[in-house]
């Protein structure tokens, strides 16, 4: 698996450890029959979309539960 993880706030050794742990977990899931090699390849080929900026979706986070009721 090529390196797919970049965490700038971690040291390179910590990132390598995370990658090793992830690869071990994926290998375990393949051995257990929970994933196939094809599914792993499909996941590897997926391109992640960036998360929207909080300012772009602010209305989603407005409090709808605690609005004052008009009496």
PDB file of N, CA and C in Angstrom:
ATOM      1  N   UNK A   1       0.848  -1.180   0.000  1.00  0.00           N
ATOM      2  CA  UNK A   1       0.000   0.000   0.000  1.00  0.00           C
ATOM      3  C   UNK A   1       0.894   1.244   0.000  1.00  0.00           C
ATOM      4  N   UNK A   2       0.698   2.143  -0.911  1.00  0.00           N
ATOM      5  CA  UNK A   2       1.485   3.378  -0.870  1.00  0.00           C
ATOM      6  C   UNK A   2       1.057   4.239   0.323  1.00  0.00           C
ATOM      7  N   UNK A   3       1.969   5.105   0.743  1.00  0.00           N
ATOM      8  CA  UNK A   3       1.628   5.993   1.857  1.00  0.00           C
ATOM      9  C   UNK A   3       0.445   6.861   1.463  1.00  0.00           C
ATOM     10  N   UNK A   4      -0.574   6.854   2.265  1.00  0.00           N
ATOM     11  CA  UNK A   4      -1.784   7.597   1.962  1.00  0.00           C
ATOM     12  C   UNK A   4      -2.139   8.563   3.072  1.00  0.00           C
ATOM     13  N   UNK A   5      -1.344   8.589   4.109  1.00  0.00           N
ATOM     14  CA  UNK A   5      -1.676   9.348   5.303  1.00  0.00           C
ATOM     15  C   UNK A   5      -0.658  10.457   5.507  1.00  0.00           C
ATOM     16  N   UNK A   6      -1.149  11.659   5.683  1.00  0.00           N
ATOM     17  CA  UNK A   6      -0.269  12.786   5.947  1.00  0.00           C
ATOM     18  C   UNK A   6      -0.863  13.577   7.106  1.00  0.00           C
ATOM     19  N   UNK A   7      -0.159  13.540   8.226  1.00  0.00           N
ATOM     20  CA  UNK A   7      -0.589  14.295   9.402  1.00  0.00           C
ATOM     21  C   UNK A   7       0.572  15.191   9.783  1.00  0.00           C
ATOM     22  N   UNK A   8       0.435  16.451   9.512  1.00  0.00           N
ATOM     23  CA  UNK A   8       1.554  17.374   9.670  1.00  0.00           C
ATOM     24  C   UNK A   8       1.939  17.617  11.123  1.00  0.00           C
ATOM     25  N   UNK A   9       1.017  17.411  12.058  1.00  0.00           N
ATOM     26  CA  UNK A   9       1.323  17.687  13.455  1.00  0.00           C
ATOM     27  C   UNK A   9       2.032  16.515  14.142  1.00  0.00           C
ATOM     28  N   UNK A  10       2.182  15.383  13.455  1.00  0.00           N
ATOM     29  CA  UNK A  10       2.866  14.224  14.024  1.00  0.00           C
ATOM     30  C   UNK A  10       4.254  14.078  13.430  1.00  0.00           C
ATOM     31  N   UNK A  11       5.124  13.479  14.225  1.00  0.00           N
ATOM     32  CA  UNK A  11       6.464  13.180  13.727  1.00  0.00           C
ATOM     33  C   UNK A  11       6.372  12.068  12.689  1.00  0.00           C
ATOM     34  N   UNK A  12       7.361  11.997  11.830  1.00  0.00           N
ATOM     35  CA  UNK A  12       7.343  11.000  10.756  1.00  0.00           C
ATOM     36  C   UNK A  12       7.299   9.582  11.321  1.00  0.00           C
ATOM     37  N   UNK A  13       7.971   9.352  12.436  1.00  0.00           N
ATOM     38  CA  UNK A  13       7.952   8.011  13.037  1.00  0.00           C
ATOM     39  C   UNK A  13       6.553   7.637  13.521  1.00  0.00           C
ATOM     40  N   UNK A  14       5.819   8.613  14.048  1.00  0.00           N
ATOM     41  CA  UNK A  14       4.455   8.340  14.503  1.00  0.00           C
ATOM     42  C   UNK A  14       3.529   8.040  13.322  1.00  0.00           C
ATOM     43  N   UNK A  15       3.722   8.760  12.234  1.00  0.00           N
ATOM     44  CA  UNK A  15       2.915   8.515  11.037  1.00  0.00           C
ATOM     45  C   UNK A  15       3.217   7.117  10.498  1.00  0.00           C
ATOM     46  N   UNK A  16       4.496   6.741  10.471  1.00  0.00           N
ATOM     47  CA  UNK A  16       4.873   5.403  10.004  1.00  0.00           C
ATOM     48  C   UNK A  16       4.244   4.332  10.889  1.00  0.00           C
ATOM     49  N   UNK A  17       4.197   4.561  12.210  1.00  0.00           N
ATOM     50  CA  UNK A  17       3.591   3.600  13.132  1.00  0.00           C
ATOM     51  C   UNK A  17       2.096   3.463  12.842  1.00  0.00           C
ATOM     52  N   UNK A  18       1.422   4.595  12.615  1.00  0.00           N
ATOM     53  CA  UNK A  18       0.000   4.551  12.267  1.00  0.00           C
ATOM     54  C   UNK A  18      -0.230   3.776  10.976  1.00  0.00           C
ATOM     55  N   UNK A  19       0.600   4.026   9.972  1.00  0.00           N
ATOM     56  CA  UNK A  19       0.477   3.314   8.699  1.00  0.00           C
ATOM     57  C   UNK A  19       0.660   1.811   8.889  1.00  0.00           C
ATOM     58  N   UNK A  20       1.633   1.441   9.703  1.00  0.00           N
ATOM     59  CA  UNK A  20       1.882   0.031   9.984  1.00  0.00           C
ATOM     60  C   UNK A  20       0.676  -0.601  10.679  1.00  0.00           C
ATOM     61  N   UNK A  21       0.114   0.114  11.652  1.00  0.00           N
ATOM     62  CA  UNK A  21      -1.065  -0.392  12.366  1.00  0.00           C
ATOM     63  C   UNK A  21      -2.260  -0.561  11.424  1.00  0.00           C
ATOM     64  N   UNK A  22      -2.464   0.408  10.560  1.00  0.00           N
ATOM     65  CA  UNK A  22      -3.582   0.334   9.609  1.00  0.00           C
ATOM     66  C   UNK A  22      -3.396  -0.842   8.663  1.00  0.00           C
ATOM     67  N   UNK A  23      -2.194  -1.000   8.144  1.00  0.00           N
ATOM     68  CA  UNK A  23      -1.923  -2.104   7.227  1.00  0.00           C
ATOM     69  C   UNK A  23      -2.124  -3.450   7.922  1.00  0.00           C
ATOM     70  N   UNK A  24      -1.734  -3.546   9.193  1.00  0.00           N
ATOM     71  CA  UNK A  24      -1.926  -4.791   9.947  1.00  0.00           C
ATOM     72  C   UNK A  24      -3.411  -5.082  10.138  1.00  0.00           C
ATOM     73  N   UNK A  25      -4.196  -4.057  10.433  1.00  0.00           N
ATOM     74  CA  UNK A  25      -5.638  -4.254  10.609  1.00  0.00           C
ATOM     75  C   UNK A  25      -6.309  -4.682   9.310  1.00  0.00           C
ATOM     76  N   UNK A  26      -5.899  -4.076   8.206  1.00  0.00           N
ATOM     77  CA  UNK A  26      -6.456  -4.460   6.912  1.00  0.00           C
ATOM     78  C   UNK A  26      -6.090  -5.913   6.608  1.00  0.00           C
ATOM     79  N   UNK A  27      -4.839  -6.294   6.869  1.00  0.00           N
ATOM     80  CA  UNK A  27      -4.407  -7.677   6.631  1.00  0.00           C
ATOM     81  C   UNK A  27      -5.221  -8.644   7.489  1.00  0.00           C
ATOM     82  N   UNK A  28      -5.499  -8.269   8.746  1.00  0.00           N
ATOM     83  CA  UNK A  28      -6.323  -9.112   9.618  1.00  0.00           C
ATOM     84  C   UNK A  28      -7.731  -9.274   9.062  1.00  0.00           C
ATOM     85  N   UNK A  29      -8.300  -8.199   8.565  1.00  0.00           N
ATOM     86  CA  UNK A  29      -9.659  -8.258   8.007  1.00  0.00           C
ATOM     87  C   UNK A  29      -9.699  -9.127   6.749  1.00  0.00           C
ATOM     88  N   UNK A  30      -8.631  -9.113   5.970  1.00  0.00           N
ATOM     89  CA  UNK A  30      -8.558  -9.981   4.795  1.00  0.00           C
ATOM     90  C   UNK A  30      -8.488 -11.438   5.240  1.00  0.00           C
ATOM     91  N   UNK A  31      -7.652 -11.724   6.263  1.00  0.00           N
ATOM     92  CA  UNK A  31      -7.527 -13.091   6.764  1.00  0.00           C
ATOM     93  C   UNK A  31      -8.845 -13.607   7.338  1.00  0.00           C
ATOM     94  N   UNK A  32      -9.596 -12.715   7.989  1.00  0.00           N
ATOM     95  CA  UNK A  32     -10.872 -13.102   8.591  1.00  0.00           C
ATOM     96  C   UNK A  32     -11.987 -13.215   7.550  1.00  0.00           C
ATOM     97  N   UNK A  33     -11.712 -12.766   6.350  1.00  0.00           N
ATOM     98  CA  UNK A  33     -12.709 -12.834   5.290  1.00  0.00           C
ATOM     99  C   UNK A  33     -13.684 -11.668   5.293  1.00  0.00           C
ATOM    100  N   UNK A  34     -13.386 -10.634   6.062  1.00  0.00           N
ATOM    101  CA  UNK A  34     -14.258  -9.465   6.106  1.00  0.00           C
ATOM    102  C   UNK A  34     -14.049  -8.540   4.916  1.00  0.00           C
ATOM    103  N   UNK A  35     -12.861  -8.595   4.327  1.00  0.00           N
ATOM    104  CA  UNK A  35     -12.536  -7.805   3.142  1.00  0.00           C
ATOM    105  C   UNK A  35     -11.883  -8.708   2.112  1.00  0.00           C
ATOM    106  N   UNK A  36     -12.111  -8.391   0.849  1.00  0.00           N
ATOM    107  CA  UNK A  36     -11.409  -9.091  -0.227  1.00  0.00           C
ATOM    108  C   UNK A  36     -10.314  -8.176  -0.761  1.00  0.00           C
ATOM    109  N   UNK A  37      -9.393  -8.766  -1.501  1.00  0.00           N
ATOM    110  CA  UNK A  37      -8.328  -7.967  -2.117  1.00  0.00           C
ATOM    111  C   UNK A  37      -8.924  -6.920  -3.051  1.00  0.00           C
ATOM    112  N   UNK A  38      -9.986  -7.289  -3.744  1.00  0.00           N
ATOM    113  CA  UNK A  38     -10.633  -6.343  -4.661  1.00  0.00           C
ATOM    114  C   UNK A  38     -11.201  -5.150  -3.898  1.00  0.00           C
ATOM    115  N   UNK A  39     -11.858  -5.410  -2.771  1.00  0.00           N
ATOM    116  CA  UNK A  39     -12.428  -4.320  -1.974  1.00  0.00           C
ATOM    117  C   UNK A  39     -11.334  -3.396  -1.443  1.00  0.00           C
ATOM    118  N   UNK A  40     -10.216  -3.983  -1.043  1.00  0.00           N
ATOM    119  CA  UNK A  40      -9.087  -3.167  -0.561  1.00  0.00           C
ATOM    120  C   UNK A  40      -8.572  -2.289  -1.688  1.00  0.00           C
ATOM    121  N   UNK A  41      -8.434  -2.835  -2.889  1.00  0.00           N
ATOM    122  CA  UNK A  41      -7.981  -2.036  -4.038  1.00  0.00           C
ATOM    123  C   UNK A  41      -8.960  -0.913  -4.344  1.00  0.00           C
ATOM    124  N   UNK A  42     -10.270  -1.215  -4.267  1.00  0.00           N
ATOM    125  CA  UNK A  42     -11.275  -0.183  -4.518  1.00  0.00           C
ATOM    126  C   UNK A  42     -11.171   0.936  -3.485  1.00  0.00           C
ATOM    127  N   UNK A  43     -10.956   0.565  -2.244  1.00  0.00           N
ATOM    128  CA  UNK A  43     -10.810   1.575  -1.189  1.00  0.00           C
ATOM    129  C   UNK A  43      -9.550   2.402  -1.422  1.00  0.00           C
ATOM    130  N   UNK A  44      -8.464   1.732  -1.808  1.00  0.00           N
ATOM    131  CA  UNK A  44      -7.206   2.448  -2.083  1.00  0.00           C
ATOM    132  C   UNK A  44      -7.378   3.471  -3.200  1.00  0.00           C
ATOM    133  N   UNK A  45      -8.194   3.139  -4.194  1.00  0.00           N
ATOM    134  CA  UNK A  45      -8.363   4.010  -5.355  1.00  0.00           C
ATOM    135  C   UNK A  45      -9.343   5.154  -5.117  1.00  0.00           C
ATOM    136  N   UNK A  46     -10.100   5.090  -4.037  1.00  0.00           N
ATOM    137  CA  UNK A  46     -11.055   6.161  -3.744  1.00  0.00           C
ATOM    138  C   UNK A  46     -10.318   7.463  -3.466  1.00  0.00           C
ATOM    139  N   UNK A  47     -10.874   8.533  -3.950  1.00  0.00           N
ATOM    140  CA  UNK A  47     -10.326   9.857  -3.667  1.00  0.00           C
ATOM    141  C   UNK A  47     -11.220  10.507  -2.622  1.00  0.00           C
ATOM    142  N   UNK A  48     -10.590  10.958  -1.564  1.00  0.00           N
ATOM    143  CA  UNK A  48     -11.346  11.597  -0.494  1.00  0.00           C
ATOM    144  C   UNK A  48     -11.693  13.022  -0.883  1.00  0.00           C
ATOM    145  N   UNK A  49     -12.854  13.434  -0.502  1.00  0.00           N
ATOM    146  CA  UNK A  49     -13.263  14.813  -0.724  1.00  0.00           C
ATOM    147  C   UNK A  49     -12.970  15.605   0.544  1.00  0.00           C
ATOM    148  N   UNK A  50     -12.525  16.830   0.403  1.00  0.00           N
ATOM    149  CA  UNK A  50     -12.257  17.619   1.607  1.00  0.00           C
ATOM    150  C   UNK A  50     -13.548  17.926   2.343  1.00  0.00           C
ATOM    151  N   UNK A  51     -13.433  18.042   3.639  1.00  0.00           N
ATOM    152  CA  UNK A  51     -14.592  18.413   4.446  1.00  0.00           C
ATOM    153  C   UNK A  51     -14.930  19.874   4.186  1.00  0.00           C
ATOM    154  N   UNK A  52     -16.205  20.212   4.196  1.00  0.00           N
ATOM    155  CA  UNK A  52     -16.563  21.618   3.988  1.00  0.00           C
ATOM    156  C   UNK A  52     -16.105  22.467   5.166  1.00  0.00           C
ATOM    157  N   UNK A  53     -15.782  23.680   4.868  1.00  0.00           N
ATOM    158  CA  UNK A  53     -15.385  24.614   5.907  1.00  0.00           C
ATOM    159  C   UNK A  53     -16.605  24.935   6.765  1.00  0.00           C
ATOM    160  N   UNK A  54     -16.406  25.071   8.057  1.00  0.00           N
ATOM    161  CA  UNK A  54     -17.508  25.340   8.977  1.00  0.00           C
ATOM    162  C   UNK A  54     -18.251  26.619   8.582  1.00  0.00           C
ATOM    163  N   UNK A  55     -17.564  27.577   8.017  1.00  0.00           N
ATOM    164  CA  UNK A  55     -18.218  28.819   7.638  1.00  0.00           C
ATOM    165  C   UNK A  55     -19.116  28.628   6.417  1.00  0.00           C
ATOM    166  N   UNK A  56     -18.849  27.603   5.632  1.00  0.00           N
ATOM    167  CA  UNK A  56     -19.680  27.341   4.456  1.00  0.00           C
ATOM    168  C   UNK A  56     -21.009  26.678   4.808  1.00  0.00           C
ATOM    169  N   UNK A  57     -21.063  26.023   5.947  1.00  0.00           N
ATOM    170  CA  UNK A  57     -22.272  25.287   6.327  1.00  0.00           C
ATOM    171  C   UNK A  57     -22.767  25.714   7.711  1.00  0.00           C
ATOM    172  N   UNK A  58     -22.569  26.949   8.038  1.00  0.00           N
ATOM    173  CA  UNK A  58     -22.907  27.450   9.369  1.00  0.00           C
ATOM    174  C   UNK A  58     -24.373  27.211   9.721  1.00  0.00           C
ATOM    175  N   UNK A  59     -25.276  27.328   8.762  1.00  0.00           N
ATOM    176  CA  UNK A  59     -26.694  27.181   9.068  1.00  0.00           C
ATOM    177  C   UNK A  59     -27.025  25.784   9.576  1.00  0.00           C
ATOM    178  N   UNK A  60     -26.231  24.808   9.226  1.00  0.00           N
ATOM    179  CA  UNK A  60     -26.460  23.443   9.705  1.00  0.00           C
ATOM    180  C   UNK A  60     -26.265  23.380  11.214  1.00  0.00           C
ATOM    181  N   UNK A  61     -25.392  24.224  11.739  1.00  0.00           N
ATOM    182  CA  UNK A  61     -25.057  24.163  13.143  1.00  0.00           C
ATOM    183  C   UNK A  61     -25.871  25.133  13.995  1.00  0.00           C
ATOM    184  N   UNK A  62     -26.803  25.856  13.388  1.00  0.00           N
ATOM    185  CA  UNK A  62     -27.670  26.729  14.171  1.00  0.00           C
ATOM    186  C   UNK A  62     -28.511  25.887  15.105  1.00  0.00           C
ATOM    187  N   UNK A  63     -28.815  26.424  16.240  1.00  0.00           N
ATOM    188  CA  UNK A  63     -29.605  25.687  17.208  1.00  0.00           C
ATOM    189  C   UNK A  63     -31.076  25.721  16.811  1.00  0.00           C
ATOM    190  N   UNK A  64     -31.584  24.613  16.364  1.00  0.00           N
ATOM    191  CA  UNK A  64     -32.975  24.508  15.997  1.00  0.00           C
ATOM    192  C   UNK A  64     -33.822  23.974  17.157  1.00  0.00           C
ATOM    193  N   UNK A  65     -33.151  23.364  18.107  1.00  0.00           N
ATOM    194  CA  UNK A  65     -33.875  22.761  19.217  1.00  0.00           C
ATOM    195  C   UNK A  65     -34.220  23.754  20.311  1.00  0.00           C
ATOM    196  N   UNK A  66     -33.453  24.793  20.439  1.00  0.00           N
ATOM    197  CA  UNK A  66     -33.607  25.683  21.571  1.00  0.00           C
ATOM    198  C   UNK A  66     -34.058  27.081  21.197  1.00  0.00           C
ATOM    199  N   UNK A  67     -34.766  27.191  20.103  1.00  0.00           N
ATOM    200  CA  UNK A  67     -35.299  28.500  19.721  1.00  0.00           C
ATOM    201  C   UNK A  67     -36.441  28.862  20.647  1.00  0.00           C
ATOM    202  N   UNK A  68     -36.542  30.139  20.910  1.00  0.00           N
ATOM    203  CA  UNK A  68     -37.624  30.600  21.772  1.00  0.00           C
ATOM    204  C   UNK A  68     -38.961  30.434  21.059  1.00  0.00           C
ATOM    205  N   UNK A  69     -39.918  29.953  21.794  1.00  0.00           N
ATOM    206  CA  UNK A  69     -41.266  29.816  21.228  1.00  0.00           C
ATOM    207  C   UNK A  69     -42.029  31.129  21.363  1.00  0.00           C
ATOM    208  N   UNK A  70     -42.753  31.445  20.358  1.00  0.00           N
ATOM    209  CA  UNK A  70     -43.577  32.652  20.465  1.00  0.00           C
ATOM    210  C   UNK A  70     -44.904  32.226  21.112  1.00  0.00           C
ATOM    211  N   UNK A  71     -45.218  32.861  22.217  1.00  0.00           N
ATOM    212  CA  UNK A  71     -46.433  32.479  22.961  1.00  0.00           C
ATOM    213  C   UNK A  71     -47.539  33.453  22.775  1.00  0.00           C
TER     214      UNK A  71
END
